[in-house]
N, C-alpha and C. Protein backbone atom coordinates (compact mmCIF):
# COMPACT_ATOMS: atom_id res chain seq x y z
N UNK A 1 8.35 16.01 -2.32
CA UNK A 1 7.50 16.71 -0.85
C UNK A 1 8.35 15.88 -0.07
N UNK A 2 8.49 16.35 1.33
CA UNK A 2 9.71 16.01 2.98
C UNK A 2 8.69 14.94 2.82
N UNK A 3 9.06 14.29 3.87
CA UNK A 3 8.16 13.30 4.55
C UNK A 3 8.40 13.70 5.72
N UNK A 4 8.07 15.03 6.26
CA UNK A 4 6.89 15.59 6.88
C UNK A 4 5.32 15.90 6.37
N UNK A 5 6.00 17.03 5.13
CA UNK A 5 4.55 17.53 4.91
C UNK A 5 3.99 16.40 4.56
N UNK A 6 4.33 15.20 3.84
CA UNK A 6 3.47 14.22 3.64
C UNK A 6 2.61 13.68 4.70
N UNK A 7 3.27 13.49 5.89
CA UNK A 7 2.85 12.72 6.81
C UNK A 7 1.82 14.09 7.57
N UNK A 8 1.69 15.54 6.83
CA UNK A 8 0.57 16.02 7.38
C UNK A 8 -0.51 15.82 6.25
N UNK A 9 -0.26 15.74 5.12
CA UNK A 9 -1.54 15.45 4.03
C UNK A 9 -2.23 14.22 4.35
N UNK A 10 -0.89 12.69 4.89
CA UNK A 10 -2.22 11.77 4.72
C UNK A 10 -2.70 12.19 6.30
N UNK A 11 -2.34 12.83 7.38
CA UNK A 11 -3.08 13.49 8.42
C UNK A 11 -4.42 13.56 8.14
N UNK A 12 -4.28 14.11 7.13
CA UNK A 12 -5.45 15.22 6.47
C UNK A 12 -6.57 14.14 5.96
N UNK A 13 -5.29 13.24 5.77
CA UNK A 13 -7.02 11.92 4.58
C UNK A 13 -7.12 10.76 5.52
N UNK A 14 -6.38 11.19 7.36
CA UNK A 14 -7.60 10.35 7.79
C UNK A 14 -7.27 8.76 7.87
N UNK A 15 -6.25 8.85 7.64
CA UNK A 15 -5.90 6.87 7.51
C UNK A 15 -5.80 5.96 8.81
N UNK A 16 -6.27 4.91 8.32
CA UNK A 16 -5.89 3.96 10.20
C UNK A 16 -4.50 3.64 9.35
N UNK A 17 -4.16 3.25 10.89
CA UNK A 17 -2.54 2.90 11.26
C UNK A 17 -2.49 1.55 10.39
N UNK A 18 -3.39 0.59 9.68
CA UNK A 18 -2.59 -0.16 9.28
C UNK A 18 -2.79 0.02 7.82
N UNK A 19 -3.83 1.11 7.72
CA UNK A 19 -3.67 1.88 6.20
C UNK A 19 -2.20 2.08 6.26
N UNK A 20 -1.80 3.25 7.04
CA UNK A 20 0.01 4.02 7.05
C UNK A 20 0.49 3.24 7.41
N UNK A 21 0.61 1.77 7.92
CA UNK A 21 2.20 0.69 7.61
C UNK A 21 1.97 0.10 6.28
N UNK A 22 0.34 0.04 5.82
CA UNK A 22 0.59 -0.69 4.25
C UNK A 22 1.37 0.75 3.36
N UNK A 23 1.02 1.32 3.79
CA UNK A 23 1.39 2.44 2.75
C UNK A 23 2.98 2.63 2.81
N UNK A 24 3.08 3.04 3.80
CA UNK A 24 4.85 3.02 4.29
C UNK A 24 5.31 1.53 3.42
N UNK A 25 5.13 0.43 3.77
CA UNK A 25 5.88 -0.45 3.42
C UNK A 25 5.58 -0.29 1.62
N UNK A 26 5.07 -0.04 1.23
CA UNK A 26 4.97 -0.02 -0.25
C UNK A 26 5.98 1.50 -0.62
N UNK A 27 5.94 2.64 -0.20
CA UNK A 27 6.82 3.58 -0.30
C UNK A 27 8.19 2.68 0.05
N UNK A 28 8.19 2.02 0.70
CA UNK A 28 9.72 2.00 0.46
C UNK A 28 10.65 0.73 -0.16
N UNK A 29 9.46 -0.07 -1.21
CA UNK A 29 9.64 -0.86 -1.96
C UNK A 29 9.79 -0.38 -3.09
N UNK A 30 9.91 1.25 -3.02
CA UNK A 30 9.43 1.14 -4.60
C UNK A 30 9.14 1.29 -5.47
N UNK A 31 9.50 0.85 -6.79
CA UNK A 31 9.07 1.16 -7.86
C UNK A 31 8.52 -0.66 -8.70
N UNK A 32 9.25 -1.58 -7.76
CA UNK A 32 9.28 -2.77 -7.61
C UNK A 32 7.70 -3.14 -6.87
N UNK A 33 7.09 -2.44 -6.02
CA UNK A 33 6.22 -2.85 -5.77
C UNK A 33 5.73 -3.97 -5.34
N UNK A 34 4.94 -4.26 -4.83
CA UNK A 34 4.73 -5.51 -3.39
C UNK A 34 3.17 -6.65 -4.22
N UNK A 35 3.38 -7.98 -3.43
CA UNK A 35 1.88 -8.14 -4.08
C UNK A 35 1.20 -8.35 -2.43
N UNK A 36 0.29 -8.59 -2.37
CA UNK A 36 -0.22 -9.10 -1.26
C UNK A 36 -0.21 -9.89 -0.55
N UNK A 37 0.72 -11.30 -1.56
CA UNK A 37 0.97 -11.89 -0.13
C UNK A 37 2.57 -11.42 0.09
N UNK A 38 3.10 -10.61 -0.23
CA UNK A 38 4.82 -9.94 0.39
C UNK A 38 3.72 -9.23 1.35
N UNK A 39 3.11 -8.91 1.50
CA UNK A 39 2.28 -7.86 2.48
C UNK A 39 2.25 -7.90 3.31
N UNK A 40 1.40 -9.47 3.56
CA UNK A 40 1.29 -10.12 4.23
C UNK A 40 2.11 -11.36 5.19
N UNK A 41 2.77 -10.97 4.63
CA UNK A 41 4.69 -12.05 5.28
C UNK A 41 5.91 -10.70 6.10
N UNK A 42 4.96 -9.23 5.77
CA UNK A 42 5.28 -8.05 6.31
C UNK A 42 4.78 -7.31 7.64
N UNK A 43 3.87 -8.18 7.31
CA UNK A 43 3.18 -7.25 8.66
C UNK A 43 2.49 -8.72 9.26
N UNK A 44 2.01 -8.54 10.76
CA UNK A 44 1.24 -9.46 11.49
C UNK A 44 -0.32 -9.32 11.51
N UNK A 45 -1.28 -8.32 9.97
CA UNK A 45 -2.29 -7.76 10.30
C UNK A 45 -3.18 -9.61 9.28
N UNK A 46 -4.47 -9.47 9.76
CA UNK A 46 -5.29 -10.20 8.81
C UNK A 46 -5.21 -10.18 7.02
N UNK A 47 -5.58 -11.65 6.17
CA UNK A 47 -5.65 -11.25 5.05
C UNK A 47 -6.24 -10.09 4.97
N UNK A 48 -7.63 -10.18 5.84
CA UNK A 48 -8.87 -9.68 5.60
C UNK A 48 -8.56 -7.32 5.38
N UNK A 49 -7.94 -7.50 6.47
CA UNK A 49 -7.52 -6.20 7.15
C UNK A 49 -6.35 -5.41 5.56
N UNK A 50 -5.36 -7.01 5.54
CA UNK A 50 -4.18 -6.09 4.43
C UNK A 50 -5.36 -5.73 2.64
N UNK A 51 -6.25 -7.00 2.49
CA UNK A 51 -7.02 -6.55 1.31
C UNK A 51 -8.13 -4.85 2.03
N UNK A 52 -8.41 -4.69 2.68
CA UNK A 52 -9.21 -3.76 3.15
C UNK A 52 -8.36 -2.12 2.92
N UNK A 53 -7.30 -2.07 3.56
CA UNK A 53 -5.39 -1.24 3.81
C UNK A 53 -5.67 -0.74 1.87
N UNK A 54 -5.46 -2.14 1.24
CA UNK A 54 -5.24 -1.44 -0.40
C UNK A 54 -6.28 -1.27 -0.92
N UNK A 55 -7.83 -1.75 -0.73
CA UNK A 55 -8.97 -0.80 -1.37
C UNK A 55 -9.41 0.36 -1.01
N UNK A 56 -8.65 0.94 -0.03
CA UNK A 56 -8.61 2.06 0.39
C UNK A 56 -8.19 3.01 0.45
N UNK A 57 -6.27 2.57 -0.05
CA UNK A 57 -5.28 3.28 -0.42
C UNK A 57 -5.71 3.59 -2.21
N UNK A 58 -5.88 2.24 -2.78
CA UNK A 58 -6.42 2.78 -4.78
C UNK A 58 -7.57 4.00 -3.94
N UNK A 59 -8.81 3.40 -3.20
CA UNK A 59 -9.54 4.79 -3.71
C UNK A 59 -9.44 5.90 -3.24
N UNK A 60 -8.71 5.97 -2.18
CA UNK A 60 -7.72 7.75 -1.93
C UNK A 60 -6.46 7.83 -3.27
N UNK A 61 -6.36 6.86 -3.80
CA UNK A 61 -4.68 7.63 -4.90
C UNK A 61 -4.27 7.56 -4.53
N UNK A 62 -3.61 6.69 -3.67
CA UNK A 62 -2.74 6.96 -3.24
C UNK A 62 -1.29 5.95 -3.74
N UNK A 63 -2.43 4.59 -3.92
CA UNK A 63 -1.32 3.35 -4.52
C UNK A 63 -1.72 3.36 -6.06
N UNK A 64 -1.60 2.55 -6.96
CA UNK A 64 -2.14 2.08 -7.69
C UNK A 64 -1.46 0.31 -7.78
N UNK A 65 -2.57 0.28 -8.68
CA UNK A 65 -2.01 -1.73 -9.33
C UNK A 65 -1.92 -1.51 -10.55
N UNK A 66 -0.71 -2.54 -10.42
CA UNK A 66 -0.83 -3.47 -12.00
C UNK A 66 -0.58 -4.66 -12.30
N UNK A 67 -0.99 -5.22 -13.63
CA UNK A 67 -0.76 -6.69 -13.07
C UNK A 67 0.93 -7.11 -12.86
N UNK A 68 0.95 -8.38 -12.82
CA UNK A 68 1.99 -9.39 -12.22
C UNK A 68 2.36 -9.21 -13.56
N UNK A 69 3.75 -9.39 -14.28
CA UNK A 69 4.55 -10.33 -15.76
C UNK A 69 4.37 -11.84 -15.67
N UNK A 70 4.47 -11.85 -14.39
CA UNK A 70 5.28 -13.31 -14.04
C UNK A 70 3.89 -14.26 -13.51
N UNK A 71 2.67 -13.80 -13.21
CA UNK A 71 1.63 -14.20 -13.17
C UNK A 71 1.14 -13.58 -13.09
N UNK A 72 -0.47 -13.52 -14.01
CA UNK A 72 -0.93 -12.79 -14.27
C UNK A 72 -2.50 -12.35 -13.80
N UNK A 73 -2.46 -13.83 -13.02
CA UNK A 73 -3.45 -13.59 -12.16
C UNK A 73 -2.88 -12.86 -10.39
N UNK A 74 -1.80 -12.20 -10.20
CA UNK A 74 -1.96 -11.37 -9.02
C UNK A 74 -1.99 -10.10 -9.76
N UNK A 75 -1.85 -9.31 -9.43
CA UNK A 75 -1.80 -7.32 -8.69
C UNK A 75 -0.46 -6.89 -7.93
N UNK A 76 0.75 -6.40 -7.95
CA UNK A 76 1.87 -6.08 -7.94
C UNK A 76 1.00 -3.98 -7.64
N UNK A 77 1.37 -4.03 -6.01
CA UNK A 77 0.98 -2.78 -5.98
C UNK A 77 1.86 -1.49 -5.88
N UNK A 78 1.92 -0.13 -6.28
CA UNK A 78 2.77 0.38 -6.02
C UNK A 78 2.49 2.18 -5.09
N UNK A 79 3.02 2.29 -5.10
CA UNK A 79 2.66 3.66 -4.32
C UNK A 79 2.69 4.91 -5.73
N UNK A 80 1.79 5.48 -5.44
CA UNK A 80 1.69 6.48 -7.26
C UNK A 80 1.96 7.77 -7.15
């Protein structure tokens, strides 16, 4: 799927600006994924905003979360 097709599809989902930014960061990270703390280091959002965006993206099945093998208390978020 091209970037243009993806953007059109995402417009239909009515994502907020913060959700779009979080999703772009996750897509650029690839299969390695990102922890919420790493996301916070990359954006200037409040932690609550990042948690909310992650929750909404999970609900829309645009991202997945997998356990972090180095620290089982954390989750790693990857694009679906």
